[in-house]
Protein backbone atom coordinates (compact mmCIF):
# COMPACT_ATOMS: atom_id res chain seq x y z
CA MET A 1 -0.03 0.04 0.05
CA THR A 2 1.32 3.47 -0.84
CA SER A 3 1.81 5.90 1.99
CA LEU A 4 -0.78 8.42 2.89
CA ASN A 5 1.22 11.32 1.68
CA THR A 6 2.05 9.68 -1.69
CA GLU A 7 -1.55 8.74 -2.19
CA ALA A 8 -2.73 12.20 -1.29
CA GLU A 9 -0.28 13.85 -3.65
CA HIS A 10 -1.40 11.57 -6.49
CA VAL A 11 -5.13 12.22 -6.03
CA GLU A 12 -4.40 15.97 -5.71
CA ALA A 13 -2.25 16.04 -8.87
CA THR A 14 -4.97 14.41 -11.02
CA ASN A 15 -7.78 16.85 -10.01
CA LEU A 16 -7.66 20.54 -10.55
CA LEU A 17 -10.41 21.17 -7.85
CA TYR A 18 -8.44 19.38 -5.17
CA ARG A 19 -5.43 21.64 -5.92
CA ASP A 20 -7.81 24.59 -5.39
CA PRO A 21 -10.15 23.74 -2.51
CA ALA A 22 -11.91 27.17 -2.66
CA LEU A 23 -12.75 26.51 -6.40
CA TYR A 24 -13.92 23.06 -5.32
CA ASP A 25 -16.45 24.60 -2.94
CA VAL A 26 -17.75 26.96 -5.55
CA VAL A 27 -18.12 24.32 -8.20
CA GLN A 28 -19.93 22.00 -5.76
CA SER A 29 -22.00 24.73 -4.19
CA ASP A 30 -25.28 23.34 -5.61
CA SER A 31 -24.71 19.81 -4.37
CA THR A 32 -27.63 18.20 -2.60
CA SER A 33 -25.68 15.41 -1.09
CA ALA A 34 -25.99 16.47 2.40
CA GLN A 35 -29.65 16.97 2.29
CA MET A 36 -30.10 13.58 0.52
CA CYS A 37 -28.01 11.94 3.24
CA GLN A 38 -30.03 13.50 6.00
CA THR A 39 -33.27 12.44 4.40
CA LEU A 40 -31.98 8.85 4.35
CA ILE A 41 -30.88 8.96 7.93
CA GLU A 42 -34.25 10.35 9.01
CA LEU A 43 -35.97 7.47 7.18
CA HIS A 44 -33.76 4.66 8.35
CA ARG A 45 -32.18 5.76 11.73
CA PRO A 46 -34.13 8.77 13.03
CA ASP A 47 -32.68 8.38 16.54
CA ALA A 48 -29.04 8.90 15.26
CA ARG A 49 -26.95 11.47 17.14
CA THR A 50 -23.36 10.84 15.97
CA LEU A 51 -21.82 10.71 12.41
CA VAL A 52 -18.47 10.27 10.79
CA ASP A 53 -17.86 11.14 7.17
CA PHE A 54 -15.04 9.52 5.37
CA GLY A 55 -13.72 11.52 2.40
CA CYS A 56 -15.19 14.77 3.74
CA GLY A 57 -13.10 17.00 1.47
CA THR A 58 -13.57 20.72 2.52
CA GLY A 59 -16.37 19.88 4.96
CA ARG A 60 -18.94 21.42 2.96
CA ASP A 61 -21.49 18.63 3.41
CA LEU A 62 -20.27 18.05 6.93
CA GLU A 63 -21.16 21.60 7.97
CA ILE A 64 -24.74 20.96 6.94
CA LEU A 65 -24.97 17.74 8.70
CA ALA A 66 -23.34 19.17 11.89
CA GLU A 67 -26.60 21.13 12.40
CA ARG A 68 -28.22 17.86 13.19
CA PHE A 69 -25.47 15.48 14.33
CA GLU A 70 -22.31 15.37 16.34
CA CYS A 71 -19.81 15.01 13.48
CA ILE A 72 -16.27 14.01 12.74
CA GLY A 73 -14.78 14.23 9.19
CA VAL A 74 -11.83 12.33 7.82
CA ASP A 75 -10.01 13.15 4.45
CA LEU A 76 -6.95 11.89 2.83
CA GLN A 77 -5.59 15.14 1.53
CA PRO A 78 -3.85 17.61 3.97
CA GLY A 79 -4.50 20.54 1.62
CA MET A 80 -8.27 19.97 1.77
CA VAL A 81 -8.18 19.42 5.54
CA ASP A 82 -6.14 22.65 6.09
CA TYR A 83 -8.66 24.55 3.91
CA ALA A 84 -11.51 23.01 5.88
CA HIS A 85 -9.97 24.21 9.15
CA GLN A 86 -9.70 27.77 7.84
CA ALA A 87 -13.19 27.88 6.19
CA ARG A 88 -15.07 25.97 8.88
CA PRO A 89 -13.09 26.20 12.02
CA GLY A 90 -15.90 24.81 14.12
CA LEU A 91 -15.82 21.36 12.48
CA ASP A 92 -13.67 18.44 13.79
CA ILE A 93 -12.00 17.36 10.55
CA ARG A 94 -8.87 15.06 10.57
CA THR A 95 -6.34 13.86 8.04
CA GLY A 96 -6.60 10.09 7.52
CA ASP A 97 -6.70 7.25 5.00
CA MET A 98 -10.15 5.56 5.10
CA ARG A 99 -8.42 2.22 4.24
CA THR A 100 -6.62 2.36 7.55
CA ALA A 101 -7.98 4.98 9.75
CA ARG A 102 -9.01 4.03 13.31
CA LEU A 103 -10.47 6.83 15.42
CA GLY A 104 -11.27 4.68 18.44
CA ILE A 105 -14.85 5.58 18.48
CA ARG A 106 -18.08 4.04 17.19
CA MET A 107 -20.89 6.16 15.54
CA ASP A 108 -24.52 6.04 14.73
CA VAL A 109 -24.01 6.94 11.13
CA LEU A 110 -21.14 6.39 8.69
CA THR A 111 -21.05 8.31 5.41
CA CYS A 112 -18.95 8.28 2.34
CA MET A 113 -20.11 10.73 -0.33
CA GLY A 114 -18.85 12.78 -3.18
CA ASN A 115 -17.61 9.68 -5.01
CA SER A 116 -14.83 9.24 -2.43
CA LEU A 117 -15.24 5.46 -2.49
CA ALA A 118 -14.69 5.51 -6.28
CA TYR A 119 -11.10 6.73 -5.81
CA VAL A 120 -10.27 3.34 -4.28
CA HIS A 121 -9.59 1.14 -7.20
CA ASP A 122 -8.13 -2.20 -5.83
CA ASN A 123 -10.44 -4.96 -4.57
CA LYS A 124 -8.41 -5.57 -1.38
CA ALA A 125 -8.35 -1.82 -0.70
CA ILE A 126 -12.11 -1.52 -1.09
CA SER A 127 -12.49 -4.46 1.51
CA GLN A 128 -10.20 -2.44 3.80
CA VAL A 129 -12.52 0.61 3.48
CA PHE A 130 -15.51 -1.42 4.34
CA ALA A 131 -13.61 -2.80 7.35
CA THR A 132 -13.05 0.75 8.51
CA PHE A 133 -16.70 1.47 8.21
CA ALA A 134 -17.30 -1.56 10.41
CA ALA A 135 -14.66 -0.61 12.88
CA HIS A 136 -16.54 2.67 13.66
CA ALA A 137 -20.08 1.36 13.62
CA GLN A 138 -22.21 1.22 16.70
CA PRO A 139 -24.70 -1.71 16.79
CA GLY A 140 -27.34 -1.07 14.22
CA ALA A 141 -25.33 1.81 12.68
CA LEU A 142 -26.33 3.20 9.32
CA LEU A 143 -24.00 3.32 6.38
CA VAL A 144 -24.72 5.80 3.67
CA LEU A 145 -22.66 5.86 0.50
CA CYS A 146 -22.77 7.85 -2.71
CA SER A 147 -20.79 6.29 -5.50
CA PRO A 148 -20.87 5.39 -9.27
CA VAL A 149 -22.90 2.24 -10.00
CA ALA A 150 -22.70 2.37 -13.78
CA PRO A 151 -20.16 3.86 -16.24
CA ILE A 152 -20.65 7.04 -18.27
CA THR A 153 -19.92 5.72 -21.78
CA ARG A 154 -20.76 8.48 -24.12
CA THR A 155 -17.82 9.34 -26.18
CA GLU A 156 -18.76 12.83 -27.45
CA PRO A 157 -17.40 15.65 -25.37
CA THR A 158 -19.62 18.04 -23.46
CA THR A 159 -18.92 21.70 -22.47
CA ALA A 160 -20.10 23.74 -19.59
CA THR A 161 -19.46 27.17 -18.09
CA VAL A 162 -18.36 27.21 -14.52
CA ASP A 163 -18.58 30.27 -12.41
CA THR A 164 -15.47 30.69 -10.39
CA PRO A 165 -14.19 33.55 -7.83
CA ARG A 166 -12.15 34.87 -10.70
CA GLY A 167 -14.77 34.78 -13.44
CA PRO A 168 -16.33 32.19 -15.73
CA ALA A 169 -14.28 29.16 -16.83
CA THR A 170 -15.09 26.79 -19.53
CA VAL A 171 -14.67 23.05 -18.96
CA THR A 172 -15.00 20.42 -21.71
CA ILE A 173 -15.46 16.77 -20.54
CA ARG A 174 -15.26 13.44 -22.17
CA HIS A 175 -15.35 10.00 -20.70
CA THR A 176 -13.57 6.68 -21.29
CA TRP A 177 -14.45 3.29 -19.91
CA ASP A 178 -12.10 0.28 -19.11
CA LEU A 179 -14.30 -2.70 -18.56
CA ARG A 180 -11.51 -4.93 -17.30
CA THR A 181 -10.66 -2.61 -14.43
CA GLN A 182 -14.05 -0.94 -14.18
CA ILE A 183 -12.42 2.36 -14.21
CA ASN A 184 -14.47 5.34 -15.67
CA THR A 185 -12.04 8.20 -16.52
CA MET A 186 -13.32 11.72 -16.82
CA HIS A 187 -10.87 13.86 -19.05
CA ARG A 188 -11.36 17.58 -18.44
CA HIS A 189 -9.87 20.49 -20.32
CA TRP A 190 -10.24 23.86 -18.50
CA ALA A 191 -10.09 27.29 -20.11
CA LEU A 192 -9.54 29.49 -17.06
CA PRO A 193 -10.57 33.18 -16.65
CA SER A 194 -6.84 34.01 -16.61
CA GLY A 195 -6.41 32.73 -20.09
CA ASP A 196 -4.53 29.81 -18.88
CA GLU A 197 -5.51 26.15 -19.74
CA ALA A 198 -5.52 23.14 -17.52
CA ARG A 199 -6.15 19.41 -17.87
CA ASP A 200 -6.97 16.70 -15.38
CA GLU A 201 -8.10 13.15 -15.39
CA ILE A 202 -10.36 11.82 -12.69
CA ARG A 203 -10.28 7.87 -12.53
CA ARG A 204 -13.24 6.49 -10.70
CA ARG A 205 -13.88 2.78 -9.91
CA VAL A 206 -17.44 1.69 -10.68
CA LEU A 207 -18.97 -0.76 -8.23
CA PHE A 208 -22.15 -2.23 -9.58
CA PRO A 209 -24.96 -2.81 -7.08
CA ARG A 210 -24.32 -6.47 -6.58
CA GLU A 211 -20.64 -5.74 -5.80
CA LEU A 212 -21.67 -3.03 -3.26
CA GLU A 213 -23.91 -5.61 -1.54
CA ARG A 214 -21.16 -8.15 -1.45
CA TYR A 215 -18.53 -5.71 0.06
CA ALA A 216 -21.16 -4.38 2.60
CA GLU A 217 -22.25 -7.78 3.67
CA GLY A 218 -18.61 -9.01 4.02
CA ALA A 219 -18.17 -6.22 6.58
CA GLY A 220 -21.31 -7.05 8.48
CA PHE A 221 -23.75 -4.60 6.81
CA HIS A 222 -27.16 -5.45 5.46
CA VAL A 223 -28.08 -3.35 2.31
CA LEU A 224 -31.50 -1.65 2.82
CA ASP A 225 -31.68 0.19 -0.49
CA ILE A 226 -29.60 1.36 -3.52
CA SER A 227 -31.35 4.22 -5.27
CA ASP A 228 -30.65 7.17 -7.58
CA GLY A 229 -34.04 8.65 -6.87
CA ALA A 230 -35.48 7.78 -10.22
CA ALA A 231 -39.25 6.82 -10.20
CA GLY A 232 -38.57 3.91 -12.61
CA GLY A 233 -35.93 2.27 -10.54
CA LEU A 234 -32.15 2.37 -10.44
CA THR A 235 -30.92 3.74 -13.69
CA GLY A 236 -27.43 5.21 -12.71
CA PRO A 237 -24.71 6.37 -13.06
CA THR A 238 -24.53 7.41 -9.39
CA ALA A 239 -26.59 6.06 -6.52
CA TYR A 240 -27.12 6.10 -2.83
CA THR A 241 -26.48 3.02 -1.00
CA VAL A 242 -27.99 2.48 2.49
CA ALA A 243 -26.99 -0.40 4.81
CA ARG A 244 -27.36 -1.26 8.40
CA GLN A 245 -24.77 -2.88 10.63
CA THR A 246 -25.97 -6.36 11.67
CA PRO A 247 -24.78 -8.49 14.56
CA ARG A 248 -22.43 -11.15 13.54
């Protein structure tokens, strides 16, 4: 296993937004992940009081959840954690690798959102992440994940305008899919307000619904639901998985 620092440097190097946490916050400002997570908790574990979020990034979602729960956040990247401490000093956010982190506490709710799980590509490492979830779970704890469950396979590029603190940027995105490794790569080309250009590649492991069930069950969780909110059933590419810790 690579060291925490080496892994963090690799993740940061491949994603422009991780190198600029303030820009990350702006781009993700319309995310509804925290609200969706809270809705699922209220549905399946309304008595929950404590929560730990693995892969919490800048603490944007954690700040919302902390209005309802006693929260701790963990993230791999020191730069994101440092920014979170400055932007949201009231939050308890710690640097750690969710494959190996052991906080010495057990919580009512465990969350892993923002595609954080998808950055773990190796089967053994994914099992280690689920073991981390189990190590921090109170009896009956709820696990809430947001992750890719199907690849984006369109080959034609899409272009969008992104408002940034320095003005509008244009980002062109295309996707590639490697079936053997189940890695969906998002290739981005940024035209920045300064006139500079940047490129990054985001490699995400797709875990299909049955795989998620298997990893969860192997760690002592029973899957209650996998949903993307579509009325006609699960359509992808991203879904919320809700599972409950079960006695072994």
